Amino acid sequence: MYDRDTLDEIKKAKEEWDKETAKGRERKDRFTTMGGIDVDRLYTPLDVEERGIDYMRDISLPGQYPYTRGIHPTMYRGRLWTVRQFMGFGDPSKSNERLKYLMKSGAPGLNVAFDLPTINGLGSDHPLSRGEIGRDGVPVNSLEDMEALFDGIPLGDVSSSLVIAYPPIPCMYIAVAEKQGFRPDQLRGTYQNDSICRDVAANVRVIPRRAELKLTLFPDARN
């Protein structure tokens, strides 16, 4: 944290800077995010001080919780991002064949698409699922389906992206991994933790809004 003298110096410099930059040089009087939150002209250590932010607790270093500066210490300086092919069709066994083909061809990671009924939390035997089963992704109705999808694929040795915001899916994935002998902390990859995005952009809501907020780890929604 900065000492008081330094903060006073920054404050004085910012005030002078504001006077110089506020002379009709901006396109409009107010700038906001898409959510309507005002965006200041300039942010300095004063904003951290005024908001009571503890750098190590609330921001921390790259590769350390809460991961605001990236999940890996060196990020893409150390290794490139994982390139994946979006895949999912037919049934779990057919998709399994495709996953194995991609791995054999050198794919560094797996990216699984689920069909519309699964995304909406519907079973393949639901009347609303008719005509949509396996069309734009793989149907997964049970743990057995998840086992068939990843049969012969050691989940602790691959990085998987599960493109779905339906909570039971990652639970099934972890269960399959544990059955293979892997602990959850040995798994790599991503789960589409954006239930609100699916709700607003794709008109998909399978759980109540407050539960969505809890799953996306919004601190104010945990209680």
C-alpha atoms as a PDB file:
ATOM      1  CA  MET A   1       0.000   0.000   0.000  1.00  0.00           C
ATOM      2  CA  TYR A   2       1.119   3.571  -0.651  1.00  0.00           C
ATOM      3  CA  ASP A   3       1.962   5.900   2.236  1.00  0.00           C
ATOM      4  CA  ARG A   4      -0.172   8.978   2.862  1.00  0.00           C
ATOM      5  CA  ASP A   5       2.323  11.450   1.365  1.00  0.00           C
ATOM      6  CA  THR A   6       2.439   9.473  -1.883  1.00  0.00           C
ATOM      7  CA  LEU A   7      -1.352   9.255  -2.062  1.00  0.00           C
ATOM      8  CA  ASP A   8      -1.636  13.013  -1.490  1.00  0.00           C
ATOM      9  CA  GLU A   9       0.849  13.579  -4.309  1.00  0.00           C
ATOM     10  CA  ILE A  10      -1.130  11.311  -6.635  1.00  0.00           C
ATOM     11  CA  LYS A  11      -4.359  13.074  -5.674  1.00  0.00           C
ATOM     12  CA  LYS A  12      -2.905  16.500  -6.480  1.00  0.00           C
ATOM     13  CA  ALA A  13      -1.503  15.268  -9.790  1.00  0.00           C
ATOM     14  CA  LYS A  14      -4.859  13.698 -10.711  1.00  0.00           C
ATOM     15  CA  GLU A  15      -6.714  16.938  -9.947  1.00  0.00           C
ATOM     16  CA  GLU A  16      -4.369  18.878 -12.225  1.00  0.00           C
ATOM     17  CA  TRP A  17      -4.670  16.215 -14.892  1.00  0.00           C
ATOM     18  CA  ASP A  18      -8.478  16.352 -14.693  1.00  0.00           C
ATOM     19  CA  LYS A  19      -8.447  20.104 -15.250  1.00  0.00           C
ATOM     20  CA  GLU A  20      -6.338  19.733 -18.360  1.00  0.00           C
ATOM     21  CA  THR A  21      -8.240  16.794 -19.888  1.00  0.00           C
ATOM     22  CA  ALA A  22     -11.757  18.051 -19.149  1.00  0.00           C
ATOM     23  CA  LYS A  23     -11.578  20.966 -21.621  1.00  0.00           C
ATOM     24  CA  GLY A  24     -13.963  19.635 -24.244  1.00  0.00           C
ATOM     25  CA  ARG A  25     -11.738  16.782 -25.379  1.00  0.00           C
ATOM     26  CA  GLU A  26     -14.225  13.967 -24.845  1.00  0.00           C
ATOM     27  CA  ARG A  27     -16.990  12.850 -27.164  1.00  0.00           C
ATOM     28  CA  LYS A  28     -19.696  12.809 -24.482  1.00  0.00           C
ATOM     29  CA  ASP A  29     -20.271  13.741 -20.872  1.00  0.00           C
ATOM     30  CA  ARG A  30     -20.654  10.220 -19.549  1.00  0.00           C
ATOM     31  CA  PHE A  31     -19.094   6.873 -20.394  1.00  0.00           C
ATOM     32  CA  THR A  32     -20.486   3.626 -19.014  1.00  0.00           C
ATOM     33  CA  THR A  33     -20.143  -0.117 -19.296  1.00  0.00           C
ATOM     34  CA  MET A  34     -22.856  -2.056 -21.143  1.00  0.00           C
ATOM     35  CA  GLY A  35     -24.471  -2.550 -17.722  1.00  0.00           C
ATOM     36  CA  GLY A  36     -24.733   1.191 -17.117  1.00  0.00           C
ATOM     37  CA  ILE A  37     -21.870   1.479 -14.616  1.00  0.00           C
ATOM     38  CA  ASP A  38     -19.968   4.750 -14.899  1.00  0.00           C
ATOM     39  CA  VAL A  39     -16.410   4.456 -16.171  1.00  0.00           C
ATOM     40  CA  ASP A  40     -14.068   7.055 -14.738  1.00  0.00           C
ATOM     41  CA  ARG A  41     -11.648   8.933 -16.948  1.00  0.00           C
ATOM     42  CA  LEU A  42      -8.665   7.668 -14.980  1.00  0.00           C
ATOM     43  CA  TYR A  43      -8.024   5.092 -12.270  1.00  0.00           C
ATOM     44  CA  THR A  44      -5.125   5.424  -9.821  1.00  0.00           C
ATOM     45  CA  PRO A  45      -4.037   3.903  -6.482  1.00  0.00           C
ATOM     46  CA  LEU A  46      -6.493   6.356  -4.921  1.00  0.00           C
ATOM     47  CA  ASP A  47      -9.355   4.185  -6.164  1.00  0.00           C
ATOM     48  CA  VAL A  48      -7.851   1.167  -4.463  1.00  0.00           C
ATOM     49  CA  GLU A  49      -7.452   3.133  -1.235  1.00  0.00           C
ATOM     50  CA  GLU A  50     -10.979   4.577  -1.327  1.00  0.00           C
ATOM     51  CA  ARG A  51     -12.585   1.199  -2.014  1.00  0.00           C
ATOM     52  CA  GLY A  52     -10.695  -0.549   0.749  1.00  0.00           C
ATOM     53  CA  ILE A  53      -9.071  -3.013  -1.631  1.00  0.00           C
ATOM     54  CA  ASP A  54      -6.325  -5.175  -0.210  1.00  0.00           C
ATOM     55  CA  TYR A  55      -3.985  -5.943  -3.110  1.00  0.00           C
ATOM     56  CA  MET A  56      -2.872  -9.423  -2.037  1.00  0.00           C
ATOM     57  CA  ARG A  57      -6.320 -10.438  -0.833  1.00  0.00           C
ATOM     58  CA  ASP A  58      -8.495  -9.009  -3.607  1.00  0.00           C
ATOM     59  CA  ILE A  59      -6.146  -8.951  -6.620  1.00  0.00           C
ATOM     60  CA  SER A  60      -3.058 -11.027  -5.790  1.00  0.00           C
ATOM     61  CA  LEU A  61      -0.390 -12.279  -8.201  1.00  0.00           C
ATOM     62  CA  PRO A  62      -0.775 -14.181 -11.484  1.00  0.00           C
ATOM     63  CA  GLY A  63      -1.542 -17.832 -10.860  1.00  0.00           C
ATOM     64  CA  GLN A  64      -2.767 -17.215  -7.323  1.00  0.00           C
ATOM     65  CA  TYR A  65      -6.261 -16.931  -5.841  1.00  0.00           C
ATOM     66  CA  PRO A  66      -8.565 -15.115  -6.683  1.00  0.00           C
ATOM     67  CA  TYR A  67      -6.954 -15.416 -10.153  1.00  0.00           C
ATOM     68  CA  THR A  68      -7.845 -11.891 -11.304  1.00  0.00           C
ATOM     69  CA  ARG A  69      -4.512 -11.772 -13.170  1.00  0.00           C
ATOM     70  CA  GLY A  70      -4.767 -15.193 -14.787  1.00  0.00           C
ATOM     71  CA  ILE A  71      -4.799 -18.811 -13.669  1.00  0.00           C
ATOM     72  CA  HIS A  72      -1.161 -19.527 -14.596  1.00  0.00           C
ATOM     73  CA  PRO A  73       1.886 -17.635 -13.250  1.00  0.00           C
ATOM     74  CA  THR A  74       3.318 -16.914 -16.706  1.00  0.00           C
ATOM     75  CA  MET A  75       0.099 -17.275 -18.715  1.00  0.00           C
ATOM     76  CA  TYR A  76       0.814 -17.307 -22.476  1.00  0.00           C
ATOM     77  CA  ARG A  77       4.467 -16.401 -21.978  1.00  0.00           C
ATOM     78  CA  GLY A  78       4.896 -19.961 -20.728  1.00  0.00           C
ATOM     79  CA  ARG A  79       2.555 -21.833 -23.071  1.00  0.00           C
ATOM     80  CA  LEU A  80      -0.025 -21.025 -25.721  1.00  0.00           C
ATOM     81  CA  TRP A  81      -3.728 -21.403 -25.046  1.00  0.00           C
ATOM     82  CA  THR A  82      -5.301 -24.788 -25.702  1.00  0.00           C
ATOM     83  CA  VAL A  83      -6.694 -25.099 -29.233  1.00  0.00           C
ATOM     84  CA  ARG A  84      -9.802 -27.272 -29.254  1.00  0.00           C
ATOM     85  CA  GLN A  85     -12.265 -28.511 -31.866  1.00  0.00           C
ATOM     86  CA  PHE A  86     -15.894 -28.083 -30.816  1.00  0.00           C
ATOM     87  CA  MET A  87     -17.399 -31.567 -31.052  1.00  0.00           C
ATOM     88  CA  GLY A  88     -20.569 -33.425 -30.103  1.00  0.00           C
ATOM     89  CA  PHE A  89     -23.160 -35.375 -32.117  1.00  0.00           C
ATOM     90  CA  GLY A  90     -25.233 -38.524 -32.393  1.00  0.00           C
ATOM     91  CA  ASP A  91     -24.905 -40.422 -29.151  1.00  0.00           C
ATOM     92  CA  PRO A  92     -22.170 -40.791 -26.471  1.00  0.00           C
ATOM     93  CA  SER A  93     -20.504 -43.751 -28.179  1.00  0.00           C
ATOM     94  CA  LYS A  94     -20.278 -41.968 -31.554  1.00  0.00           C
ATOM     95  CA  SER A  95     -18.914 -38.852 -29.883  1.00  0.00           C
ATOM     96  CA  ASN A  96     -16.421 -41.010 -27.994  1.00  0.00           C
ATOM     97  CA  GLU A  97     -15.075 -42.297 -31.297  1.00  0.00           C
ATOM     98  CA  ARG A  98     -14.620 -38.727 -32.494  1.00  0.00           C
ATOM     99  CA  LEU A  99     -12.868 -37.663 -29.280  1.00  0.00           C
ATOM    100  CA  LYS A 100     -10.417 -40.543 -29.599  1.00  0.00           C
ATOM    101  CA  TYR A 101      -9.785 -39.645 -33.242  1.00  0.00           C
ATOM    102  CA  LEU A 102      -9.037 -36.026 -32.291  1.00  0.00           C
ATOM    103  CA  MET A 103      -6.640 -37.137 -29.549  1.00  0.00           C
ATOM    104  CA  LYS A 104      -4.903 -39.546 -31.930  1.00  0.00           C
ATOM    105  CA  SER A 105      -4.583 -36.679 -34.426  1.00  0.00           C
ATOM    106  CA  GLY A 106      -2.770 -34.548 -31.863  1.00  0.00           C
ATOM    107  CA  ALA A 107      -5.542 -32.387 -30.391  1.00  0.00           C
ATOM    108  CA  PRO A 108      -4.165 -30.771 -27.200  1.00  0.00           C
ATOM    109  CA  GLY A 109      -7.594 -30.576 -25.559  1.00  0.00           C
ATOM    110  CA  LEU A 110     -11.199 -31.727 -25.865  1.00  0.00           C
ATOM    111  CA  ASN A 111     -14.218 -29.447 -26.348  1.00  0.00           C
ATOM    112  CA  VAL A 112     -17.568 -31.179 -25.866  1.00  0.00           C
ATOM    113  CA  ALA A 113     -20.840 -29.759 -27.219  1.00  0.00           C
ATOM    114  CA  PHE A 114     -24.069 -31.042 -25.675  1.00  0.00           C
ATOM    115  CA  ASP A 115     -27.394 -31.226 -27.486  1.00  0.00           C
ATOM    116  CA  LEU A 116     -30.218 -28.770 -26.827  1.00  0.00           C
ATOM    117  CA  PRO A 117     -32.294 -31.046 -24.540  1.00  0.00           C
ATOM    118  CA  THR A 118     -29.259 -31.675 -22.309  1.00  0.00           C
ATOM    119  CA  ILE A 119     -28.466 -27.945 -22.203  1.00  0.00           C
ATOM    120  CA  ASN A 120     -32.057 -27.319 -21.076  1.00  0.00           C
ATOM    121  CA  GLY A 121     -31.921 -30.049 -18.445  1.00  0.00           C
ATOM    122  CA  LEU A 122     -34.322 -32.321 -20.329  1.00  0.00           C
ATOM    123  CA  GLY A 123     -34.003 -36.060 -20.766  1.00  0.00           C
ATOM    124  CA  SER A 124     -33.992 -37.547 -24.251  1.00  0.00           C
ATOM    125  CA  ASP A 125     -37.354 -39.157 -23.469  1.00  0.00           C
ATOM    126  CA  HIS A 126     -39.042 -35.814 -22.735  1.00  0.00           C
ATOM    127  CA  PRO A 127     -41.701 -34.791 -25.324  1.00  0.00           C
ATOM    128  CA  LEU A 128     -39.957 -31.447 -25.908  1.00  0.00           C
ATOM    129  CA  SER A 129     -36.750 -33.288 -26.871  1.00  0.00           C
ATOM    130  CA  ARG A 130     -38.303 -34.866 -29.952  1.00  0.00           C
ATOM    131  CA  GLY A 131     -36.353 -33.990 -33.086  1.00  0.00           C
ATOM    132  CA  GLU A 132     -33.483 -32.401 -31.154  1.00  0.00           C
ATOM    133  CA  ILE A 133     -31.676 -35.412 -29.692  1.00  0.00           C
ATOM    134  CA  GLY A 134     -28.052 -35.490 -30.827  1.00  0.00           C
ATOM    135  CA  ARG A 135     -28.590 -32.824 -33.517  1.00  0.00           C
ATOM    136  CA  ASP A 136     -26.310 -30.050 -32.312  1.00  0.00           C
ATOM    137  CA  GLY A 137     -24.372 -31.899 -29.630  1.00  0.00           C
ATOM    138  CA  VAL A 138     -24.160 -35.111 -27.678  1.00  0.00           C
ATOM    139  CA  PRO A 139     -27.067 -36.161 -25.422  1.00  0.00           C
ATOM    140  CA  VAL A 140     -26.073 -37.011 -21.848  1.00  0.00           C
ATOM    141  CA  ASN A 141     -28.945 -38.221 -19.674  1.00  0.00           C
ATOM    142  CA  SER A 142     -27.112 -40.156 -16.995  1.00  0.00           C
ATOM    143  CA  LEU A 143     -23.794 -41.094 -15.476  1.00  0.00           C
ATOM    144  CA  GLU A 144     -23.741 -44.089 -17.807  1.00  0.00           C
ATOM    145  CA  ASP A 145     -23.893 -41.746 -20.797  1.00  0.00           C
ATOM    146  CA  MET A 146     -20.983 -39.725 -19.417  1.00  0.00           C
ATOM    147  CA  GLU A 147     -19.003 -42.933 -18.898  1.00  0.00           C
ATOM    148  CA  ALA A 148     -19.679 -43.942 -22.508  1.00  0.00           C
ATOM    149  CA  LEU A 149     -18.681 -40.481 -23.750  1.00  0.00           C
ATOM    150  CA  PHE A 150     -15.259 -40.690 -22.087  1.00  0.00           C
ATOM    151  CA  ASP A 151     -14.746 -44.439 -22.240  1.00  0.00           C
ATOM    152  CA  GLY A 152     -11.041 -45.217 -22.674  1.00  0.00           C
ATOM    153  CA  ILE A 153     -10.062 -41.564 -22.217  1.00  0.00           C
ATOM    154  CA  PRO A 154      -8.059 -40.945 -19.001  1.00  0.00           C
ATOM    155  CA  LEU A 155      -9.589 -37.689 -17.754  1.00  0.00           C
ATOM    156  CA  GLY A 156      -6.639 -36.910 -15.515  1.00  0.00           C
ATOM    157  CA  ASP A 157      -4.379 -36.753 -18.577  1.00  0.00           C
ATOM    158  CA  VAL A 158      -6.451 -34.472 -20.821  1.00  0.00           C
ATOM    159  CA  SER A 159      -7.871 -30.950 -20.665  1.00  0.00           C
ATOM    160  CA  SER A 160     -11.618 -30.906 -21.299  1.00  0.00           C
ATOM    161  CA  SER A 161     -13.983 -28.028 -21.980  1.00  0.00           C
ATOM    162  CA  LEU A 162     -17.625 -28.780 -21.154  1.00  0.00           C
ATOM    163  CA  VAL A 163     -19.706 -26.243 -23.093  1.00  0.00           C
ATOM    164  CA  ILE A 164     -22.825 -26.297 -20.945  1.00  0.00           C
ATOM    165  CA  ALA A 165     -24.140 -24.504 -17.858  1.00  0.00           C
ATOM    166  CA  TYR A 166     -26.245 -27.430 -16.570  1.00  0.00           C
ATOM    167  CA  PRO A 167     -24.902 -28.243 -13.054  1.00  0.00           C
ATOM    168  CA  PRO A 168     -25.183 -32.081 -13.128  1.00  0.00           C
ATOM    169  CA  ILE A 169     -22.771 -32.322 -16.084  1.00  0.00           C
ATOM    170  CA  PRO A 170     -19.547 -31.388 -14.230  1.00  0.00           C
ATOM    171  CA  CYS A 171     -20.698 -33.608 -11.343  1.00  0.00           C
ATOM    172  CA  MET A 172     -20.960 -36.553 -13.729  1.00  0.00           C
ATOM    173  CA  TYR A 173     -17.587 -35.686 -15.242  1.00  0.00           C
ATOM    174  CA  ILE A 174     -15.908 -35.701 -11.820  1.00  0.00           C
ATOM    175  CA  ALA A 175     -17.660 -38.957 -10.919  1.00  0.00           C
ATOM    176  CA  VAL A 176     -16.315 -40.613 -14.073  1.00  0.00           C
ATOM    177  CA  ALA A 177     -12.826 -39.302 -13.333  1.00  0.00           C
ATOM    178  CA  GLU A 178     -12.959 -40.646  -9.777  1.00  0.00           C
ATOM    179  CA  LYS A 179     -14.096 -44.022 -11.098  1.00  0.00           C
ATOM    180  CA  GLN A 180     -11.018 -43.949 -13.346  1.00  0.00           C
ATOM    181  CA  GLY A 181      -8.864 -43.311 -10.284  1.00  0.00           C
ATOM    182  CA  PHE A 182      -8.326 -39.539 -10.564  1.00  0.00           C
ATOM    183  CA  ARG A 183      -8.967 -36.937  -7.860  1.00  0.00           C
ATOM    184  CA  PRO A 184     -10.889 -33.747  -8.739  1.00  0.00           C
ATOM    185  CA  ASP A 185      -7.748 -31.653  -8.170  1.00  0.00           C
ATOM    186  CA  GLN A 186      -5.995 -33.655 -10.891  1.00  0.00           C
ATOM    187  CA  LEU A 187      -8.476 -32.586 -13.574  1.00  0.00           C
ATOM    188  CA  ARG A 188      -7.797 -29.800 -16.089  1.00  0.00           C
ATOM    189  CA  GLY A 189     -10.112 -27.815 -18.312  1.00  0.00           C
ATOM    190  CA  THR A 190     -13.131 -25.542 -18.088  1.00  0.00           C
ATOM    191  CA  TYR A 191     -16.824 -25.691 -17.323  1.00  0.00           C
ATOM    192  CA  GLN A 192     -19.082 -23.060 -18.893  1.00  0.00           C
ATOM    193  CA  ASN A 193     -19.754 -21.195 -15.663  1.00  0.00           C
ATOM    194  CA  ASP A 194     -21.966 -18.536 -17.214  1.00  0.00           C
ATOM    195  CA  SER A 195     -25.532 -19.460 -16.355  1.00  0.00           C
ATOM    196  CA  ILE A 196     -26.681 -15.846 -16.572  1.00  0.00           C
ATOM    197  CA  CYS A 197     -25.277 -15.532 -20.098  1.00  0.00           C
ATOM    198  CA  ARG A 198     -27.199 -18.622 -21.136  1.00  0.00           C
ATOM    199  CA  ASP A 199     -30.305 -17.211 -19.471  1.00  0.00           C
ATOM    200  CA  VAL A 200     -30.136 -13.810 -21.187  1.00  0.00           C
ATOM    201  CA  ALA A 201     -28.567 -14.633 -24.563  1.00  0.00           C
ATOM    202  CA  ALA A 202     -29.865 -18.135 -25.227  1.00  0.00           C
ATOM    203  CA  ASN A 203     -33.144 -18.038 -23.273  1.00  0.00           C
ATOM    204  CA  VAL A 204     -32.058 -21.097 -21.304  1.00  0.00           C
ATOM    205  CA  ARG A 205     -32.750 -21.308 -17.580  1.00  0.00           C
ATOM    206  CA  VAL A 206     -32.764 -24.683 -15.846  1.00  0.00           C
ATOM    207  CA  ILE A 207     -32.314 -23.464 -12.265  1.00  0.00           C
ATOM    208  CA  PRO A 208     -33.553 -20.399 -10.322  1.00  0.00           C
ATOM    209  CA  ARG A 209     -31.682 -17.114 -10.745  1.00  0.00           C
ATOM    210  CA  ARG A 210     -30.357 -17.025  -7.152  1.00  0.00           C
ATOM    211  CA  ALA A 211     -28.941 -20.527  -7.577  1.00  0.00           C
ATOM    212  CA  GLU A 212     -27.292 -19.371 -10.822  1.00  0.00           C
ATOM    213  CA  LEU A 213     -25.600 -16.563  -8.926  1.00  0.00           C
ATOM    214  CA  LYS A 214     -24.321 -18.988  -6.294  1.00  0.00           C
ATOM    215  CA  LEU A 215     -22.873 -21.239  -8.981  1.00  0.00           C
ATOM    216  CA  THR A 216     -21.064 -18.344 -10.601  1.00  0.00           C
ATOM    217  CA  LEU A 217     -19.599 -17.448  -7.200  1.00  0.00           C
ATOM    218  CA  PHE A 218     -20.987 -13.931  -6.867  1.00  0.00           C
ATOM    219  CA  PRO A 219     -20.112 -13.134  -3.219  1.00  0.00           C
ATOM    220  CA  ASP A 220     -23.325 -11.156  -2.563  1.00  0.00           C
ATOM    221  CA  ALA A 221     -25.487 -14.099  -3.596  1.00  0.00           C
ATOM    222  CA  ARG A 222     -24.023 -16.797  -1.371  1.00  0.00           C
ATOM    223  CA  ASN A 223     -26.548 -16.293   1.442  1.00  0.00           C
END
